[in-house]
Amino acid sequence: MTEFSVNKQHDTPVYRQLVEEITRRVMSGELKPGDKMPPERELAAKLDVARGTVKRAYEKLAENHILDIGHGRGTFVSTRQNVVPASRKERAVEILHDSIAALSHLNFSYDEIRSLFHVVLEDRRRRHESFKVAAVDCNPESLATFEQQLRHISNLQIHKYPLDMFQNDPGAAAKLEAYDIVLTTATHYSEICGAAPAIARKLLQVVLSPSQRTIIDLANLSHNENVGVLTESRNFQNIIRSKLKDFFFDLPRTNCLYEKNRDALPEFLKDKSVMIVPPNFSQYGSGADSAAWRAFTARGGRIIPFEYQIERGALVYIEKNISEQMARRSDVAGLQ
C-alpha cells in the first residue's frame, strides 16, 4: 500500500499537505482511478495525527472529485477525477480549437457549434450510463460483494437478483436479456444457463472466496470461544460453517442469528466472545443495535467481518470485458 508522509512542523496545515500529496500522486499516475485509499483511522495512526485531520483531507478531495467516499465500503481514487497533467489539457485545448476551426469552415456559427458539442456530449454520456450489469446469486451477501467490488467503475449500474427469481417470476429470463453483462458465481452458472439459455453469451461466472484477512481471523479462533454468526441467509450461514470446519471449528446451529430476528440481538450477544458478521456489516451497527454492539466490544467482544471477494483474476476479466464493451459503444457513438 502507498505510504504517505506529512511534516507537522511545517506552516502548511497537515490536512492541506495530505490533500496536496494525494493530488500530486494522482497527477503522476502513482495513484490510479479505482485504487483503494487507507481507512481514515489507519492512515491517522500511521501519520500520528487526529482522525479528523484525515477525514477533512478526504472530504476536500471528494469535493474536488479526486476521491469517492463510499460509507461502509471504503474510499477510492475517483474514476471521474479531474486531475490531468497540464500537457494533456493543453493537447485537449488544441483539439477543441482545431474542431471549432473545422466547423467554422463549414459555416457553423459559434452558437450552433456550442449546441452540437452539447448534443454529442450528452449522447455519449447517456450511452455510457446505460451500461447495465445484473448479479444473480442465492444469497444477498454475495450480491452485496458484487456491488461493493465493482462500484469503482464509472457509469455502471448494478442490479441484484436472488436466484429464486427463476422459480417465482415467469419473466425472469426476459428481464436478464436487457442487461449487457450478467454475473453469477461458478456454483450457479450451469443452472442459470439452463433457465435462461438466451443470456448464455453474456453470462460471466465468478469465483468468490474469503479474503486473506478473514482466513487469518478464522484460523486464529480458539475452541474455548463462544462464536456467533449474524447472517441474512441460510446459504451464507452454511458457507461460514463450512469454512470454520476447514479449521476444525464446528459451529452449533443455535449460534446463528438471522437479520430478520435482529430484535433478539442484545440477548444473543450476551454470552458471545466473537461475532462473525456479513461483509456489509455497517448496516447493523446503527439505530437500536448500536448500544448492543458497543456493550459487546466494551467487554472485549471481537467482530470478524466475513469478507467475501471476487478472486483477482475474475475481477480483472470482468473489468476488461466491461471496458471493451464501453469502448466499442464510444466508437459507435463517434461514427454516428
Protein backbone atom coordinates (compact mmCIF):
# COMPACT_ATOMS: atom_id res chain seq x y z
CA MET A 1 0.00 0.00 0.00
CA THR A 2 1.22 3.52 -0.80
CA GLU A 3 2.90 5.28 2.12
CA PHE A 4 2.09 8.91 2.91
CA SER A 5 4.03 11.45 4.97
CA VAL A 6 3.41 14.89 6.44
CA ASN A 7 5.54 17.48 8.23
CA LYS A 8 3.76 18.60 11.39
CA GLN A 9 6.32 21.38 11.89
CA HIS A 10 5.51 22.96 8.53
CA ASP A 11 3.42 26.13 8.25
CA THR A 12 1.01 24.39 5.86
CA PRO A 13 -1.81 22.64 7.79
CA VAL A 14 -1.43 18.86 7.88
CA TYR A 15 -4.75 18.20 6.14
CA ARG A 16 -3.68 20.53 3.30
CA GLN A 17 -0.34 18.71 2.98
CA LEU A 18 -2.24 15.45 2.65
CA VAL A 19 -4.59 16.93 0.03
CA GLU A 20 -1.62 18.20 -1.99
CA GLU A 21 0.32 14.92 -1.75
CA ILE A 22 -2.61 12.73 -2.81
CA THR A 23 -3.44 15.13 -5.66
CA ARG A 24 0.19 15.04 -6.84
CA ARG A 25 0.26 11.25 -6.78
CA VAL A 26 -2.94 11.07 -8.80
CA MET A 27 -1.45 13.51 -11.33
CA SER A 28 1.72 11.42 -11.65
CA GLY A 29 -0.26 8.21 -12.14
CA GLU A 30 1.10 6.63 -8.95
CA LEU A 31 -2.48 6.52 -7.70
CA LYS A 32 -4.89 5.32 -10.37
CA PRO A 33 -8.69 5.57 -10.67
CA GLY A 34 -10.24 2.78 -8.61
CA ASP A 35 -7.29 2.42 -6.21
CA LYS A 36 -8.46 1.97 -2.62
CA MET A 37 -7.20 4.51 -0.06
CA PRO A 38 -6.23 3.60 3.52
CA PRO A 39 -9.11 3.87 6.03
CA GLU A 40 -9.17 7.18 7.93
CA ARG A 41 -8.34 5.58 11.28
CA GLU A 42 -5.44 3.55 9.85
CA LEU A 43 -3.87 6.47 7.99
CA ALA A 44 -4.26 8.77 11.00
CA ALA A 45 -2.44 6.23 13.18
CA LYS A 46 0.43 5.90 10.70
CA LEU A 47 0.82 9.67 10.40
CA ASP A 48 0.30 10.18 14.15
CA VAL A 49 -2.42 12.76 13.56
CA ALA A 50 -6.05 13.07 14.59
CA ARG A 51 -8.53 11.03 12.57
CA GLY A 52 -10.47 14.24 11.93
CA THR A 53 -7.45 15.61 10.04
CA VAL A 54 -7.53 12.69 7.58
CA LYS A 55 -11.32 12.90 7.37
CA ARG A 56 -11.10 16.60 6.46
CA ALA A 57 -8.49 15.88 3.76
CA TYR A 58 -10.56 13.05 2.27
CA GLU A 59 -13.70 15.19 2.26
CA LYS A 60 -11.85 18.02 0.49
CA LEU A 61 -10.51 15.58 -2.10
CA ALA A 62 -14.00 14.14 -2.58
CA GLU A 63 -15.35 17.66 -3.02
CA ASN A 64 -12.81 18.12 -5.84
CA HIS A 65 -13.81 14.77 -7.41
CA ILE A 66 -10.38 13.27 -6.74
CA LEU A 67 -11.68 10.68 -4.25
CA ASP A 68 -15.00 8.88 -3.89
CA ILE A 69 -16.09 8.16 -0.31
CA GLY A 70 -18.41 5.16 -0.04
CA HIS A 71 -19.71 4.93 3.52
CA GLY A 72 -19.21 1.39 4.74
CA ARG A 73 -17.31 0.43 1.59
CA GLY A 74 -14.13 2.49 1.74
CA THR A 75 -12.55 5.43 -0.07
CA PHE A 76 -11.32 5.13 -3.65
CA VAL A 77 -9.49 7.28 -6.18
CA SER A 78 -12.35 8.61 -8.27
CA THR A 79 -12.83 7.34 -11.80
CA ARG A 80 -14.28 10.77 -12.59
CA GLN A 81 -11.41 12.76 -11.06
CA ASN A 82 -10.34 15.86 -12.92
CA VAL A 83 -6.63 15.80 -12.15
CA VAL A 84 -4.95 15.70 -15.55
CA PRO A 85 -1.34 16.60 -16.37
CA ALA A 86 -1.08 20.07 -17.96
CA SER A 87 0.36 18.66 -21.19
CA ARG A 88 -2.79 16.61 -21.79
CA LYS A 89 -5.03 19.58 -21.04
CA GLU A 90 -3.06 21.71 -23.48
CA ARG A 91 -3.43 18.99 -26.12
CA ALA A 92 -7.17 18.84 -25.42
CA VAL A 93 -7.46 22.61 -25.96
CA GLU A 94 -5.61 22.26 -29.27
CA ILE A 95 -8.03 19.55 -30.40
CA LEU A 96 -11.01 21.72 -29.46
CA HIS A 97 -9.54 24.73 -31.34
CA ASP A 98 -8.97 22.56 -34.42
CA SER A 99 -12.52 21.18 -34.23
CA ILE A 100 -14.03 24.65 -33.87
CA ALA A 101 -11.97 25.92 -36.82
CA ALA A 102 -13.12 22.98 -38.97
CA LEU A 103 -16.78 23.55 -38.06
CA SER A 104 -16.44 27.29 -38.70
CA HIS A 105 -15.04 26.45 -42.14
CA LEU A 106 -18.31 24.57 -42.74
CA ASN A 107 -20.17 27.82 -41.94
CA PHE A 108 -21.47 26.78 -38.50
CA SER A 109 -21.94 29.71 -36.13
CA TYR A 110 -20.47 29.66 -32.62
CA ASP A 111 -23.94 29.14 -31.15
CA GLU A 112 -24.50 26.19 -33.49
CA ILE A 113 -21.11 24.70 -32.56
CA ARG A 114 -21.92 25.05 -28.86
CA SER A 115 -25.23 23.26 -29.39
CA LEU A 116 -23.59 20.47 -31.39
CA PHE A 117 -20.96 19.87 -28.70
CA HIS A 118 -23.68 19.74 -26.06
CA VAL A 119 -25.77 17.23 -28.06
CA VAL A 120 -22.79 14.96 -28.78
CA LEU A 121 -21.54 15.04 -25.17
CA GLU A 122 -24.98 14.25 -23.78
CA ASP A 123 -25.40 11.39 -26.24
CA ARG A 124 -22.07 9.83 -25.26
CA ARG A 125 -22.85 10.29 -21.55
CA ARG A 126 -26.22 8.54 -21.92
CA ARG A 127 -24.63 5.66 -23.80
CA HIS A 128 -22.14 5.08 -21.01
CA GLU A 129 -24.76 5.40 -18.29
CA SER A 130 -26.97 2.85 -19.99
CA PHE A 131 -24.39 0.08 -19.44
CA LYS A 132 -26.12 -2.30 -17.06
CA VAL A 133 -24.90 -5.30 -15.10
CA ALA A 134 -27.10 -7.88 -13.35
CA ALA A 135 -25.78 -10.00 -10.49
CA VAL A 136 -27.59 -13.24 -9.65
CA ASP A 137 -26.90 -15.47 -6.65
CA CYS A 138 -28.58 -17.48 -3.92
CA ASN A 139 -27.65 -15.21 -1.03
CA PRO A 140 -27.74 -11.42 -0.52
CA GLU A 141 -24.24 -11.35 0.98
CA SER A 142 -22.69 -12.50 -2.30
CA LEU A 143 -24.78 -9.98 -4.22
CA ALA A 144 -23.51 -7.24 -1.90
CA THR A 145 -19.95 -8.33 -2.70
CA PHE A 146 -20.55 -7.89 -6.44
CA GLU A 147 -21.88 -4.39 -5.81
CA GLN A 148 -19.05 -3.36 -3.47
CA GLN A 149 -16.20 -4.59 -5.66
CA LEU A 150 -17.49 -3.12 -8.92
CA ARG A 151 -18.64 0.23 -7.56
CA HIS A 152 -15.38 1.93 -8.60
CA ILE A 153 -16.26 1.51 -12.31
CA SER A 154 -17.74 4.77 -13.54
CA ASN A 155 -21.20 4.90 -15.16
CA LEU A 156 -22.04 1.34 -14.21
CA GLN A 157 -25.49 0.34 -13.00
CA ILE A 158 -25.55 -2.88 -10.95
CA HIS A 159 -28.85 -4.61 -10.23
CA LYS A 160 -29.06 -7.55 -7.81
CA TYR A 161 -31.38 -10.54 -8.25
CA PRO A 162 -31.90 -13.56 -5.97
CA LEU A 163 -31.51 -16.93 -7.67
CA ASP A 164 -35.06 -18.00 -6.79
CA MET A 165 -36.34 -15.35 -9.21
CA PHE A 166 -36.43 -18.11 -11.83
CA GLN A 167 -38.91 -20.03 -9.67
CA ASN A 168 -41.05 -17.06 -8.64
CA ASP A 169 -41.06 -14.87 -11.76
CA PRO A 170 -42.03 -16.33 -15.17
CA GLY A 171 -40.48 -13.30 -16.87
CA ALA A 172 -37.12 -13.57 -15.09
CA ALA A 173 -35.15 -14.74 -18.14
CA ALA A 174 -36.55 -11.90 -20.25
CA LYS A 175 -35.54 -9.34 -17.61
CA LEU A 176 -31.92 -10.52 -17.72
CA GLU A 177 -31.81 -10.19 -21.51
CA ALA A 178 -31.99 -6.41 -21.04
CA TYR A 179 -28.55 -6.38 -19.35
CA ASP A 180 -25.17 -6.03 -21.04
CA ILE A 181 -23.50 -8.48 -18.65
CA VAL A 182 -24.92 -10.96 -16.14
CA LEU A 183 -22.70 -12.11 -13.28
CA THR A 184 -23.13 -15.16 -11.09
CA THR A 185 -20.97 -17.48 -9.00
CA ALA A 186 -19.43 -20.58 -10.57
CA THR A 187 -21.81 -22.68 -8.44
CA HIS A 188 -24.89 -21.42 -10.29
CA TYR A 189 -23.53 -20.83 -13.80
CA SER A 190 -24.95 -24.04 -15.35
CA GLU A 191 -28.26 -23.61 -13.54
CA ILE A 192 -28.78 -20.11 -14.94
CA CYS A 193 -27.70 -21.16 -18.44
CA GLY A 194 -30.37 -23.85 -18.32
CA ALA A 195 -33.07 -21.50 -17.03
CA ALA A 196 -32.18 -18.64 -19.40
CA PRO A 197 -30.23 -20.01 -22.41
CA ALA A 198 -30.66 -16.73 -24.32
CA ILE A 199 -28.28 -14.94 -21.95
CA ALA A 200 -25.52 -17.58 -22.03
CA ARG A 201 -23.32 -15.39 -24.25
CA LYS A 202 -23.39 -12.52 -21.74
CA LEU A 203 -23.25 -14.65 -18.57
CA LEU A 204 -19.92 -14.48 -16.72
CA GLN A 205 -19.11 -16.88 -13.88
CA VAL A 206 -17.16 -15.58 -10.91
CA VAL A 207 -15.35 -17.33 -8.09
CA LEU A 208 -15.90 -15.80 -4.66
CA SER A 209 -13.61 -16.60 -1.75
CA PRO A 210 -12.92 -15.27 1.76
CA SER A 211 -10.29 -12.53 1.96
CA GLN A 212 -6.86 -13.26 3.40
CA ARG A 213 -7.74 -11.19 6.46
CA THR A 214 -10.87 -13.29 7.06
CA ILE A 215 -8.95 -16.56 6.66
CA ILE A 216 -6.35 -15.42 9.22
CA ASP A 217 -9.01 -14.29 11.71
CA LEU A 218 -10.91 -17.59 11.42
CA ALA A 219 -7.73 -19.66 11.68
CA ASN A 220 -6.87 -17.90 14.95
CA LEU A 221 -10.18 -18.71 16.65
CA SER A 222 -9.83 -20.57 19.92
CA HIS A 223 -12.07 -23.56 20.59
CA ASN A 224 -12.98 -22.21 24.02
CA GLU A 225 -14.50 -19.08 22.49
CA ASN A 226 -18.26 -18.75 22.12
CA VAL A 227 -18.70 -17.77 18.49
CA GLY A 228 -21.86 -16.34 16.98
CA VAL A 229 -22.80 -15.58 13.36
CA LEU A 230 -25.00 -12.78 12.08
CA THR A 231 -26.33 -13.57 8.63
CA GLU A 232 -29.12 -12.68 6.22
CA SER A 233 -29.45 -16.09 4.59
CA ARG A 234 -29.12 -19.78 5.39
CA ASN A 235 -26.87 -20.23 2.35
CA PHE A 236 -24.33 -17.75 3.68
CA GLN A 237 -24.56 -19.33 7.13
CA ASN A 238 -23.64 -22.68 5.55
CA ILE A 239 -20.69 -21.10 3.73
CA ILE A 240 -19.34 -19.75 7.02
CA ARG A 241 -19.92 -23.05 8.81
CA SER A 242 -18.11 -24.92 6.02
CA LYS A 243 -15.11 -22.59 6.21
CA LEU A 244 -14.96 -22.93 10.00
CA LYS A 245 -14.89 -26.72 9.63
CA ASP A 246 -11.78 -26.31 7.46
CA PHE A 247 -10.12 -25.07 10.65
CA PHE A 248 -11.67 -27.89 12.73
CA PHE A 249 -14.10 -25.49 14.37
CA ASP A 250 -17.66 -26.85 14.47
CA LEU A 251 -20.30 -24.17 14.93
CA PRO A 252 -23.60 -25.26 16.54
CA ARG A 253 -26.68 -24.20 14.58
CA THR A 254 -28.02 -22.33 17.63
CA ASN A 255 -25.12 -19.86 17.38
CA CYS A 256 -26.54 -18.21 14.25
CA LEU A 257 -28.84 -15.19 14.29
CA TYR A 258 -30.71 -14.15 11.15
CA GLU A 259 -31.03 -10.48 10.32
CA LYS A 260 -34.83 -10.79 10.30
CA ASN A 261 -34.59 -11.68 14.02
CA ARG A 262 -32.40 -8.70 14.86
CA ASP A 263 -34.70 -7.74 17.76
CA ALA A 264 -33.06 -10.63 19.63
CA LEU A 265 -29.55 -9.22 19.08
CA PRO A 266 -28.91 -7.81 22.61
CA GLU A 267 -29.80 -11.16 24.21
CA PHE A 268 -27.88 -13.11 21.54
CA LEU A 269 -24.67 -11.15 22.19
CA LYS A 270 -24.66 -11.63 25.96
CA ASP A 271 -22.68 -14.90 26.03
CA LYS A 272 -20.66 -14.41 22.82
CA SER A 273 -16.96 -13.60 22.76
CA VAL A 274 -16.66 -13.46 18.95
CA MET A 275 -19.17 -12.45 16.26
CA ILE A 276 -18.75 -13.28 12.57
CA VAL A 277 -20.67 -10.73 10.51
CA PRO A 278 -21.50 -10.23 6.80
CA PRO A 279 -19.32 -8.06 4.52
CA ASN A 280 -21.96 -5.31 4.60
CA PHE A 281 -21.88 -5.25 8.40
CA SER A 282 -22.05 -1.45 8.70
CA GLN A 283 -25.81 -1.54 8.24
CA TYR A 284 -26.13 -3.48 11.51
CA GLY A 285 -24.16 -1.02 13.60
CA SER A 286 -26.68 1.79 13.76
CA GLY A 287 -30.01 2.61 15.35
CA ALA A 288 -31.32 0.32 18.07
CA ASP A 289 -28.48 -2.16 17.57
CA SER A 290 -25.66 0.29 18.25
CA ALA A 291 -25.92 0.10 22.06
CA ALA A 292 -25.79 -3.70 21.97
CA TRP A 293 -22.68 -3.67 19.76
CA ARG A 294 -20.98 -1.06 21.96
CA ALA A 295 -21.61 -3.16 25.05
CA PHE A 296 -20.30 -6.25 23.24
CA THR A 297 -17.00 -4.63 22.19
CA ALA A 298 -16.62 -2.81 25.55
CA ARG A 299 -16.39 -6.14 27.39
CA GLY A 300 -13.79 -7.41 24.91
CA GLY A 301 -16.00 -8.97 22.25
CA ARG A 302 -14.38 -9.32 18.83
CA ILE A 303 -16.05 -8.75 15.47
CA ILE A 304 -14.80 -10.68 12.43
CA PRO A 305 -16.21 -9.45 9.10
CA PHE A 306 -16.56 -12.42 6.73
CA GLU A 307 -15.19 -10.54 3.74
CA TYR A 308 -16.21 -12.30 0.56
CA GLN A 309 -14.24 -11.21 -2.50
CA ILE A 310 -14.19 -11.76 -6.23
CA GLU A 311 -10.94 -13.55 -6.99
CA ARG A 312 -8.44 -11.19 -8.59
CA GLY A 313 -8.26 -12.98 -11.95
CA ALA A 314 -12.04 -12.96 -12.32
CA LEU A 315 -12.23 -9.28 -11.29
CA VAL A 316 -9.65 -8.28 -13.91
CA TYR A 317 -11.58 -10.26 -16.56
CA ILE A 318 -14.86 -8.55 -15.64
CA GLU A 319 -13.26 -5.09 -15.69
CA LYS A 320 -11.67 -5.81 -19.08
CA ASN A 321 -14.95 -7.09 -20.52
CA ILE A 322 -16.84 -4.01 -19.33
CA SER A 323 -14.10 -1.66 -20.53
CA GLU A 324 -14.04 -3.23 -24.01
CA GLN A 325 -17.82 -3.03 -24.37
CA MET A 326 -17.84 0.60 -23.25
CA ALA A 327 -15.03 1.41 -25.70
CA ARG A 328 -16.97 -0.19 -28.56
CA ARG A 329 -20.01 1.88 -27.66
CA SER A 330 -17.92 5.04 -27.69
CA ASP A 331 -16.51 4.12 -31.11
CA VAL A 332 -20.01 3.53 -32.47
CA ALA A 333 -21.19 6.82 -30.95
CA GLY A 334 -18.29 8.61 -32.62
CA LEU A 335 -19.31 7.26 -36.03
CA GLN A 336 -22.91 8.38 -35.73
